[in-house]
Amino acid sequence: DQQRLRSEQLGPAEVEQIAARYAA
């Protein structure tokens, strides 16, 4: 997931999903 965040152009919804998952 960290590599995806670095290397891909993720949309806001994908970033928010990752954020929520990792906050929990």
mmCIF file of all heavy atoms, coordinates in Angstrom:
data_MODEL
# 
_entry.id   MODEL 
# 
loop_
_atom_site.group_PDB 
_atom_site.id 
_atom_site.type_symbol 
_atom_site.label_atom_id 
_atom_site.label_alt_id 
_atom_site.label_comp_id 
_atom_site.label_asym_id 
_atom_site.label_entity_id 
_atom_site.label_seq_id 
_atom_site.pdbx_PDB_ins_code 
_atom_site.Cartn_x 
_atom_site.Cartn_y 
_atom_site.Cartn_z 
_atom_site.occupancy 
_atom_site.B_iso_or_equiv 
_atom_site.pdbx_formal_charge 
_atom_site.auth_seq_id 
_atom_site.auth_comp_id 
_atom_site.auth_asym_id 
_atom_site.auth_atom_id 
_atom_site.pdbx_PDB_model_num 
ATOM 1   N N   . ASP A 1 1  ? 0.829   -1.202 0.000   1.00 0.00 ? 1  ASP A N   1 
ATOM 2   C CA  . ASP A 1 1  ? 0.000   0.000  0.000   1.00 0.00 ? 1  ASP A CA  1 
ATOM 3   C C   . ASP A 1 1  ? 0.867   1.256  0.000   1.00 0.00 ? 1  ASP A C   1 
ATOM 4   O O   . ASP A 1 1  ? 0.564   2.235  -0.688  1.00 0.00 ? 1  ASP A O   1 
ATOM 5   C CB  . ASP A 1 1  ? -0.930  0.019  1.213   1.00 0.00 ? 1  ASP A CB  1 
ATOM 6   C CG  . ASP A 1 1  ? -2.116  -0.910 1.052   1.00 0.00 ? 1  ASP A CG  1 
ATOM 7   O OD1 . ASP A 1 1  ? -2.437  -1.294 -0.093  1.00 0.00 ? 1  ASP A OD1 1 
ATOM 8   O OD2 . ASP A 1 1  ? -2.730  -1.254 2.086   1.00 0.00 ? 1  ASP A OD2 1 
ATOM 9   N N   . GLN A 1 2  ? 1.946   1.220  0.752   1.00 0.00 ? 2  GLN A N   1 
ATOM 10  C CA  . GLN A 1 2  ? 2.863   2.359  0.799   1.00 0.00 ? 2  GLN A CA  1 
ATOM 11  C C   . GLN A 1 2  ? 3.439   2.626  -0.596  1.00 0.00 ? 2  GLN A C   1 
ATOM 12  O O   . GLN A 1 2  ? 3.517   3.773  -1.033  1.00 0.00 ? 2  GLN A O   1 
ATOM 13  C CB  . GLN A 1 2  ? 3.983   2.071  1.793   1.00 0.00 ? 2  GLN A CB  1 
ATOM 14  C CG  . GLN A 1 2  ? 4.956   3.207  1.977   1.00 0.00 ? 2  GLN A CG  1 
ATOM 15  C CD  . GLN A 1 2  ? 6.053   2.827  2.942   1.00 0.00 ? 2  GLN A CD  1 
ATOM 16  O OE1 . GLN A 1 2  ? 6.678   1.779  2.784   1.00 0.00 ? 2  GLN A OE1 1 
ATOM 17  N NE2 . GLN A 1 2  ? 6.283   3.659  3.938   1.00 0.00 ? 2  GLN A NE2 1 
ATOM 18  N N   . GLN A 1 3  ? 3.812   1.567  -1.289  1.00 0.00 ? 3  GLN A N   1 
ATOM 19  C CA  . GLN A 1 3  ? 4.350   1.722  -2.638  1.00 0.00 ? 3  GLN A CA  1 
ATOM 20  C C   . GLN A 1 3  ? 3.294   2.270  -3.599  1.00 0.00 ? 3  GLN A C   1 
ATOM 21  O O   . GLN A 1 3  ? 3.599   3.087  -4.465  1.00 0.00 ? 3  GLN A O   1 
ATOM 22  C CB  . GLN A 1 3  ? 4.917   0.397  -3.135  1.00 0.00 ? 3  GLN A CB  1 
ATOM 23  C CG  . GLN A 1 3  ? 6.177   0.008  -2.399  1.00 0.00 ? 3  GLN A CG  1 
ATOM 24  C CD  . GLN A 1 3  ? 6.654   -1.394 -2.714  1.00 0.00 ? 3  GLN A CD  1 
ATOM 25  O OE1 . GLN A 1 3  ? 5.913   -2.221 -3.224  1.00 0.00 ? 3  GLN A OE1 1 
ATOM 26  N NE2 . GLN A 1 3  ? 7.914   -1.664 -2.404  1.00 0.00 ? 3  GLN A NE2 1 
ATOM 27  N N   . ARG A 1 4  ? 2.045   1.824  -3.448  1.00 0.00 ? 4  ARG A N   1 
ATOM 28  C CA  . ARG A 1 4  ? 0.964   2.366  -4.272  1.00 0.00 ? 4  ARG A CA  1 
ATOM 29  C C   . ARG A 1 4  ? 0.803   3.859  -4.037  1.00 0.00 ? 4  ARG A C   1 
ATOM 30  O O   . ARG A 1 4  ? 0.607   4.624  -4.980  1.00 0.00 ? 4  ARG A O   1 
ATOM 31  C CB  . ARG A 1 4  ? -0.361  1.669  -3.950  1.00 0.00 ? 4  ARG A CB  1 
ATOM 32  C CG  . ARG A 1 4  ? -0.504  0.309  -4.545  1.00 0.00 ? 4  ARG A CG  1 
ATOM 33  C CD  . ARG A 1 4  ? -1.879  -0.299 -4.270  1.00 0.00 ? 4  ARG A CD  1 
ATOM 34  N NE  . ARG A 1 4  ? -2.940  0.554  -4.770  1.00 0.00 ? 4  ARG A NE  1 
ATOM 35  C CZ  . ARG A 1 4  ? -4.080  0.813  -4.127  1.00 0.00 ? 4  ARG A CZ  1 
ATOM 36  N NH1 . ARG A 1 4  ? -4.317  0.291  -2.939  1.00 0.00 ? 4  ARG A NH1 1 
ATOM 37  N NH2 . ARG A 1 4  ? -4.990  1.592  -4.654  1.00 0.00 ? 4  ARG A NH2 1 
ATOM 38  N N   . LEU A 1 5  ? 0.870   4.270  -2.786  1.00 0.00 ? 5  LEU A N   1 
ATOM 39  C CA  . LEU A 1 5  ? 0.733   5.691  -2.471  1.00 0.00 ? 5  LEU A CA  1 
ATOM 40  C C   . LEU A 1 5  ? 1.859   6.505  -3.100  1.00 0.00 ? 5  LEU A C   1 
ATOM 41  O O   . LEU A 1 5  ? 1.650   7.646  -3.514  1.00 0.00 ? 5  LEU A O   1 
ATOM 42  C CB  . LEU A 1 5  ? 0.723   5.915  -0.958  1.00 0.00 ? 5  LEU A CB  1 
ATOM 43  C CG  . LEU A 1 5  ? -0.568  5.564  -0.235  1.00 0.00 ? 5  LEU A CG  1 
ATOM 44  C CD1 . LEU A 1 5  ? -0.341  5.521  1.266   1.00 0.00 ? 5  LEU A CD1 1 
ATOM 45  C CD2 . LEU A 1 5  ? -1.680  6.543  -0.591  1.00 0.00 ? 5  LEU A CD2 1 
ATOM 46  N N   . ARG A 1 6  ? 3.036   5.936  -3.175  1.00 0.00 ? 6  ARG A N   1 
ATOM 47  C CA  . ARG A 1 6  ? 4.192   6.638  -3.739  1.00 0.00 ? 6  ARG A CA  1 
ATOM 48  C C   . ARG A 1 6  ? 4.180   6.667  -5.258  1.00 0.00 ? 6  ARG A C   1 
ATOM 49  O O   . ARG A 1 6  ? 4.579   7.649  -5.863  1.00 0.00 ? 6  ARG A O   1 
ATOM 50  C CB  . ARG A 1 6  ? 5.490   5.962  -3.300  1.00 0.00 ? 6  ARG A CB  1 
ATOM 51  C CG  . ARG A 1 6  ? 5.881   6.228  -1.898  1.00 0.00 ? 6  ARG A CG  1 
ATOM 52  C CD  . ARG A 1 6  ? 7.199   5.583  -1.607  1.00 0.00 ? 6  ARG A CD  1 
ATOM 53  N NE  . ARG A 1 6  ? 7.600   5.823  -0.236  1.00 0.00 ? 6  ARG A NE  1 
ATOM 54  C CZ  . ARG A 1 6  ? 8.532   5.145  0.381   1.00 0.00 ? 6  ARG A CZ  1 
ATOM 55  N NH1 . ARG A 1 6  ? 9.168   4.173  -0.236  1.00 0.00 ? 6  ARG A NH1 1 
ATOM 56  N NH2 . ARG A 1 6  ? 8.842   5.419  1.623   1.00 0.00 ? 6  ARG A NH2 1 
ATOM 57  N N   . SER A 1 7  ? 3.793   5.565  -5.882  1.00 0.00 ? 7  SER A N   1 
ATOM 58  C CA  . SER A 1 7  ? 4.019   5.428  -7.311  1.00 0.00 ? 7  SER A CA  1 
ATOM 59  C C   . SER A 1 7  ? 2.799   5.631  -8.197  1.00 0.00 ? 7  SER A C   1 
ATOM 60  O O   . SER A 1 7  ? 2.939   5.810  -9.384  1.00 0.00 ? 7  SER A O   1 
ATOM 61  C CB  . SER A 1 7  ? 4.605   4.053  -7.604  1.00 0.00 ? 7  SER A CB  1 
ATOM 62  O OG  . SER A 1 7  ? 3.668   3.047  -7.284  1.00 0.00 ? 7  SER A OG  1 
ATOM 63  N N   . GLU A 1 8  ? 1.609   5.588  -7.651  1.00 0.00 ? 8  GLU A N   1 
ATOM 64  C CA  . GLU A 1 8  ? 0.419   5.700  -8.475  1.00 0.00 ? 8  GLU A CA  1 
ATOM 65  C C   . GLU A 1 8  ? -0.287  7.021  -8.234  1.00 0.00 ? 8  GLU A C   1 
ATOM 66  O O   . GLU A 1 8  ? -0.186  7.605  -7.170  1.00 0.00 ? 8  GLU A O   1 
ATOM 67  C CB  . GLU A 1 8  ? -0.560  4.562  -8.161  1.00 0.00 ? 8  GLU A CB  1 
ATOM 68  C CG  . GLU A 1 8  ? -0.042  3.196  -8.526  1.00 0.00 ? 8  GLU A CG  1 
ATOM 69  C CD  . GLU A 1 8  ? -1.058  2.104  -8.192  1.00 0.00 ? 8  GLU A CD  1 
ATOM 70  O OE1 . GLU A 1 8  ? -2.232  2.411  -7.970  1.00 0.00 ? 8  GLU A OE1 1 
ATOM 71  O OE2 . GLU A 1 8  ? -0.637  0.948  -8.163  1.00 0.00 ? 8  GLU A OE2 1 
ATOM 72  N N   . GLN A 1 9  ? -1.006  7.438  -9.235  1.00 0.00 ? 9  GLN A N   1 
ATOM 73  C CA  . GLN A 1 9  ? -1.867  8.601  -9.084  1.00 0.00 ? 9  GLN A CA  1 
ATOM 74  C C   . GLN A 1 9  ? -3.221  8.091  -8.606  1.00 0.00 ? 9  GLN A C   1 
ATOM 75  O O   . GLN A 1 9  ? -4.069  7.719  -9.396  1.00 0.00 ? 9  GLN A O   1 
ATOM 76  C CB  . GLN A 1 9  ? -1.996  9.347  -10.415 1.00 0.00 ? 9  GLN A CB  1 
ATOM 77  C CG  . GLN A 1 9  ? -0.727  10.007 -10.881 1.00 0.00 ? 9  GLN A CG  1 
ATOM 78  C CD  . GLN A 1 9  ? -0.294  11.113 -9.924  1.00 0.00 ? 9  GLN A CD  1 
ATOM 79  O OE1 . GLN A 1 9  ? -1.133  11.799 -9.348  1.00 0.00 ? 9  GLN A OE1 1 
ATOM 80  N NE2 . GLN A 1 9  ? 0.996   11.280 -9.760  1.00 0.00 ? 9  GLN A NE2 1 
ATOM 81  N N   . LEU A 1 10 ? -3.399  8.038  -7.297  1.00 0.00 ? 10 LEU A N   1 
ATOM 82  C CA  . LEU A 1 10 ? -4.642  7.556  -6.730  1.00 0.00 ? 10 LEU A CA  1 
ATOM 83  C C   . LEU A 1 10 ? -5.647  8.694  -6.646  1.00 0.00 ? 10 LEU A C   1 
ATOM 84  O O   . LEU A 1 10 ? -5.289  9.831  -6.362  1.00 0.00 ? 10 LEU A O   1 
ATOM 85  C CB  . LEU A 1 10 ? -4.402  6.987  -5.327  1.00 0.00 ? 10 LEU A CB  1 
ATOM 86  C CG  . LEU A 1 10 ? -3.427  5.828  -5.223  1.00 0.00 ? 10 LEU A CG  1 
ATOM 87  C CD1 . LEU A 1 10 ? -3.262  5.407  -3.774  1.00 0.00 ? 10 LEU A CD1 1 
ATOM 88  C CD2 . LEU A 1 10 ? -3.884  4.659  -6.059  1.00 0.00 ? 10 LEU A CD2 1 
ATOM 89  N N   . GLY A 1 11 ? -6.885  8.361  -6.875  1.00 0.00 ? 11 GLY A N   1 
ATOM 90  C CA  . GLY A 1 11 ? -7.943  9.341  -6.739  1.00 0.00 ? 11 GLY A CA  1 
ATOM 91  C C   . GLY A 1 11 ? -8.224  9.625  -5.274  1.00 0.00 ? 11 GLY A C   1 
ATOM 92  O O   . GLY A 1 11 ? -7.840  8.862  -4.383  1.00 0.00 ? 11 GLY A O   1 
ATOM 93  N N   . PRO A 1 12 ? -8.917  10.723 -5.011  1.00 0.00 ? 12 PRO A N   1 
ATOM 94  C CA  . PRO A 1 12 ? -9.221  11.082 -3.625  1.00 0.00 ? 12 PRO A CA  1 
ATOM 95  C C   . PRO A 1 12 ? -9.979  9.989  -2.872  1.00 0.00 ? 12 PRO A C   1 
ATOM 96  O O   . PRO A 1 12 ? -9.718  9.761  -1.695  1.00 0.00 ? 12 PRO A O   1 
ATOM 97  C CB  . PRO A 1 12 ? -10.076 12.343 -3.761  1.00 0.00 ? 12 PRO A CB  1 
ATOM 98  C CG  . PRO A 1 12 ? -9.755  12.895 -5.099  1.00 0.00 ? 12 PRO A CG  1 
ATOM 99  C CD  . PRO A 1 12 ? -9.398  11.734 -5.962  1.00 0.00 ? 12 PRO A CD  1 
ATOM 100 N N   . ALA A 1 13 ? -10.884 9.323  -3.547  1.00 0.00 ? 13 ALA A N   1 
ATOM 101 C CA  . ALA A 1 13 ? -11.657 8.267  -2.874  1.00 0.00 ? 13 ALA A CA  1 
ATOM 102 C C   . ALA A 1 13 ? -10.748 7.118  -2.451  1.00 0.00 ? 13 ALA A C   1 
ATOM 103 O O   . ALA A 1 13 ? -10.908 6.581  -1.347  1.00 0.00 ? 13 ALA A O   1 
ATOM 104 C CB  . ALA A 1 13 ? -12.766 7.752  -3.793  1.00 0.00 ? 13 ALA A CB  1 
ATOM 105 N N   . GLU A 1 14 ? -9.790  6.750  -3.299  1.00 0.00 ? 14 GLU A N   1 
ATOM 106 C CA  . GLU A 1 14 ? -8.861  5.658  -2.941  1.00 0.00 ? 14 GLU A CA  1 
ATOM 107 C C   . GLU A 1 14 ? -7.969  6.062  -1.783  1.00 0.00 ? 14 GLU A C   1 
ATOM 108 O O   . GLU A 1 14 ? -7.726  5.263  -0.876  1.00 0.00 ? 14 GLU A O   1 
ATOM 109 C CB  . GLU A 1 14 ? -8.011  5.272  -4.148  1.00 0.00 ? 14 GLU A CB  1 
ATOM 110 C CG  . GLU A 1 14 ? -8.785  4.616  -5.264  1.00 0.00 ? 14 GLU A CG  1 
ATOM 111 C CD  . GLU A 1 14 ? -7.950  4.468  -6.513  1.00 0.00 ? 14 GLU A CD  1 
ATOM 112 O OE1 . GLU A 1 14 ? -7.554  5.504  -7.084  1.00 0.00 ? 14 GLU A OE1 1 
ATOM 113 O OE2 . GLU A 1 14 ? -7.695  3.315  -6.904  1.00 0.00 ? 14 GLU A OE2 1 
ATOM 114 N N   . VAL A 1 15 ? -7.478  7.281  -1.795  1.00 0.00 ? 15 VAL A N   1 
ATOM 115 C CA  . VAL A 1 15 ? -6.632  7.765  -0.697  1.00 0.00 ? 15 VAL A CA  1 
ATOM 116 C C   . VAL A 1 15 ? -7.437  7.787  0.598   1.00 0.00 ? 15 VAL A C   1 
ATOM 117 O O   . VAL A 1 15 ? -6.946  7.376  1.653   1.00 0.00 ? 15 VAL A O   1 
ATOM 118 C CB  . VAL A 1 15 ? -6.046  9.156  -1.019  1.00 0.00 ? 15 VAL A CB  1 
ATOM 119 C CG1 . VAL A 1 15 ? -5.314  9.734  0.190   1.00 0.00 ? 15 VAL A CG1 1 
ATOM 120 C CG2 . VAL A 1 15 ? -5.104  9.072  -2.217  1.00 0.00 ? 15 VAL A CG2 1 
ATOM 121 N N   . GLU A 1 16 ? -8.690  8.214  0.527   1.00 0.00 ? 16 GLU A N   1 
ATOM 122 C CA  . GLU A 1 16 ? -9.536  8.254  1.717   1.00 0.00 ? 16 GLU A CA  1 
ATOM 123 C C   . GLU A 1 16 ? -9.813  6.855  2.260   1.00 0.00 ? 16 GLU A C   1 
ATOM 124 O O   . GLU A 1 16 ? -9.835  6.649  3.469   1.00 0.00 ? 16 GLU A O   1 
ATOM 125 C CB  . GLU A 1 16 ? -10.846 8.983  1.416   1.00 0.00 ? 16 GLU A CB  1 
ATOM 126 C CG  . GLU A 1 16 ? -10.635 10.473 1.226   1.00 0.00 ? 16 GLU A CG  1 
ATOM 127 C CD  . GLU A 1 16 ? -11.893 11.212 0.813   1.00 0.00 ? 16 GLU A CD  1 
ATOM 128 O OE1 . GLU A 1 16 ? -12.971 10.591 0.762   1.00 0.00 ? 16 GLU A OE1 1 
ATOM 129 O OE2 . GLU A 1 16 ? -11.787 12.415 0.553   1.00 0.00 ? 16 GLU A OE2 1 
ATOM 130 N N   . GLN A 1 17 ? -10.004 5.892  1.370   1.00 0.00 ? 17 GLN A N   1 
ATOM 131 C CA  . GLN A 1 17 ? -10.225 4.515  1.816   1.00 0.00 ? 17 GLN A CA  1 
ATOM 132 C C   . GLN A 1 17 ? -8.989  3.975  2.530   1.00 0.00 ? 17 GLN A C   1 
ATOM 133 O O   . GLN A 1 17 ? -9.091  3.335  3.577   1.00 0.00 ? 17 GLN A O   1 
ATOM 134 C CB  . GLN A 1 17 ? -10.587 3.617  0.641   1.00 0.00 ? 17 GLN A CB  1 
ATOM 135 C CG  . GLN A 1 17 ? -11.979 3.859  0.116   1.00 0.00 ? 17 GLN A CG  1 
ATOM 136 C CD  . GLN A 1 17 ? -12.271 3.050  -1.129  1.00 0.00 ? 17 GLN A CD  1 
ATOM 137 O OE1 . GLN A 1 17 ? -11.370 2.495  -1.753  1.00 0.00 ? 17 GLN A OE1 1 
ATOM 138 N NE2 . GLN A 1 17 ? -13.535 2.980  -1.497  1.00 0.00 ? 17 GLN A NE2 1 
ATOM 139 N N   . ILE A 1 18 ? -7.832  4.226  1.957   1.00 0.00 ? 18 ILE A N   1 
ATOM 140 C CA  . ILE A 1 18 ? -6.580  3.792  2.583   1.00 0.00 ? 18 ILE A CA  1 
ATOM 141 C C   . ILE A 1 18 ? -6.422  4.487  3.937   1.00 0.00 ? 18 ILE A C   1 
ATOM 142 O O   . ILE A 1 18 ? -6.055  3.854  4.931   1.00 0.00 ? 18 ILE A O   1 
ATOM 143 C CB  . ILE A 1 18 ? -5.377  4.047  1.657   1.00 0.00 ? 18 ILE A CB  1 
ATOM 144 C CG1 . ILE A 1 18 ? -5.451  3.114  0.430   1.00 0.00 ? 18 ILE A CG1 1 
ATOM 145 C CG2 . ILE A 1 18 ? -4.053  3.861  2.402   1.00 0.00 ? 18 ILE A CG2 1 
ATOM 146 C CD1 . ILE A 1 18 ? -4.436  3.423  -0.656  1.00 0.00 ? 18 ILE A CD1 1 
ATOM 147 N N   . ALA A 1 19 ? -6.714  5.775  3.984   1.00 0.00 ? 19 ALA A N   1 
ATOM 148 C CA  . ALA A 1 19 ? -6.592  6.533  5.231   1.00 0.00 ? 19 ALA A CA  1 
ATOM 149 C C   . ALA A 1 19 ? -7.485  5.950  6.316   1.00 0.00 ? 19 ALA A C   1 
ATOM 150 O O   . ALA A 1 19 ? -7.040  5.743  7.453   1.00 0.00 ? 19 ALA A O   1 
ATOM 151 C CB  . ALA A 1 19 ? -6.943  8.001  4.994   1.00 0.00 ? 19 ALA A CB  1 
ATOM 152 N N   . ALA A 1 20 ? -8.714  5.669  5.981   1.00 0.00 ? 20 ALA A N   1 
ATOM 153 C CA  . ALA A 1 20 ? -9.654  5.123  6.966   1.00 0.00 ? 20 ALA A CA  1 
ATOM 154 C C   . ALA A 1 20 ? -9.214  3.749  7.439   1.00 0.00 ? 20 ALA A C   1 
ATOM 155 O O   . ALA A 1 20 ? -9.252  3.456  8.637   1.00 0.00 ? 20 ALA A O   1 
ATOM 156 C CB  . ALA A 1 20 ? -11.053 5.053  6.364   1.00 0.00 ? 20 ALA A CB  1 
ATOM 157 N N   . ARG A 1 21 ? -8.778  2.921  6.512   1.00 0.00 ? 21 ARG A N   1 
ATOM 158 C CA  . ARG A 1 21 ? -8.348  1.565  6.856   1.00 0.00 ? 21 ARG A CA  1 
ATOM 159 C C   . ARG A 1 21 ? -7.152  1.609  7.804   1.00 0.00 ? 21 ARG A C   1 
ATOM 160 O O   . ARG A 1 21 ? -7.102  0.904  8.805   1.00 0.00 ? 21 ARG A O   1 
ATOM 161 C CB  . ARG A 1 21 ? -8.028  0.796  5.577   1.00 0.00 ? 21 ARG A CB  1 
ATOM 162 C CG  . ARG A 1 21 ? -7.850  -0.670 5.785   1.00 0.00 ? 21 ARG A CG  1 
ATOM 163 C CD  . ARG A 1 21 ? -7.788  -1.459 4.493   1.00 0.00 ? 21 ARG A CD  1 
ATOM 164 N NE  . ARG A 1 21 ? -6.909  -0.909 3.477   1.00 0.00 ? 21 ARG A NE  1 
ATOM 165 C CZ  . ARG A 1 21 ? -7.333  -0.350 2.340   1.00 0.00 ? 21 ARG A CZ  1 
ATOM 166 N NH1 . ARG A 1 21 ? -8.605  -0.243 2.063   1.00 0.00 ? 21 ARG A NH1 1 
ATOM 167 N NH2 . ARG A 1 21 ? -6.455  0.112  1.466   1.00 0.00 ? 21 ARG A NH2 1 
ATOM 168 N N   . TYR A 1 22 ? -6.182  2.480  7.493   1.00 0.00 ? 22 TYR A N   1 
ATOM 169 C CA  . TYR A 1 22 ? -4.979  2.539  8.316   1.00 0.00 ? 22 TYR A CA  1 
ATOM 170 C C   . TYR A 1 22 ? -5.209  3.275  9.634   1.00 0.00 ? 22 TYR A C   1 
ATOM 171 O O   . TYR A 1 22 ? -4.549  2.967  10.628  1.00 0.00 ? 22 TYR A O   1 
ATOM 172 C CB  . TYR A 1 22 ? -3.805  3.102  7.518   1.00 0.00 ? 22 TYR A CB  1 
ATOM 173 C CG  . TYR A 1 22 ? -3.202  2.008  6.670   1.00 0.00 ? 22 TYR A CG  1 
ATOM 174 C CD1 . TYR A 1 22 ? -3.683  1.750  5.398   1.00 0.00 ? 22 TYR A CD1 1 
ATOM 175 C CD2 . TYR A 1 22 ? -2.225  1.177  7.179   1.00 0.00 ? 22 TYR A CD2 1 
ATOM 176 C CE1 . TYR A 1 22 ? -3.178  0.713  4.634   1.00 0.00 ? 22 TYR A CE1 1 
ATOM 177 C CE2 . TYR A 1 22 ? -1.708  0.133  6.434   1.00 0.00 ? 22 TYR A CE2 1 
ATOM 178 C CZ  . TYR A 1 22 ? -2.189  -0.090 5.161   1.00 0.00 ? 22 TYR A CZ  1 
ATOM 179 O OH  . TYR A 1 22 ? -1.689  -1.131 4.427   1.00 0.00 ? 22 TYR A OH  1 
ATOM 180 N N   . ALA A 1 23 ? -6.133  4.211  9.678   1.00 0.00 ? 23 ALA A N   1 
ATOM 181 C CA  . ALA A 1 23 ? -6.466  4.846  10.956  1.00 0.00 ? 23 ALA A CA  1 
ATOM 182 C C   . ALA A 1 23 ? -7.056  3.806  11.908  1.00 0.00 ? 23 ALA A C   1 
ATOM 183 O O   . ALA A 1 23 ? -6.680  3.744  13.086  1.00 0.00 ? 23 ALA A O   1 
ATOM 184 C CB  . ALA A 1 23 ? -7.447  5.995  10.738  1.00 0.00 ? 23 ALA A CB  1 
ATOM 185 N N   . ALA A 1 24 ? -7.952  2.973  11.390  1.00 0.00 ? 24 ALA A N   1 
ATOM 186 C CA  . ALA A 1 24 ? -8.550  1.912  12.219  1.00 0.00 ? 24 ALA A CA  1 
ATOM 187 C C   . ALA A 1 24 ? -7.500  0.883  12.620  1.00 0.00 ? 24 ALA A C   1 
ATOM 188 O O   . ALA A 1 24 ? -7.467  0.432  13.773  1.00 0.00 ? 24 ALA A O   1 
ATOM 189 C CB  . ALA A 1 24 ? -9.692  1.245  11.461  1.00 0.00 ? 24 ALA A CB  1 
# 
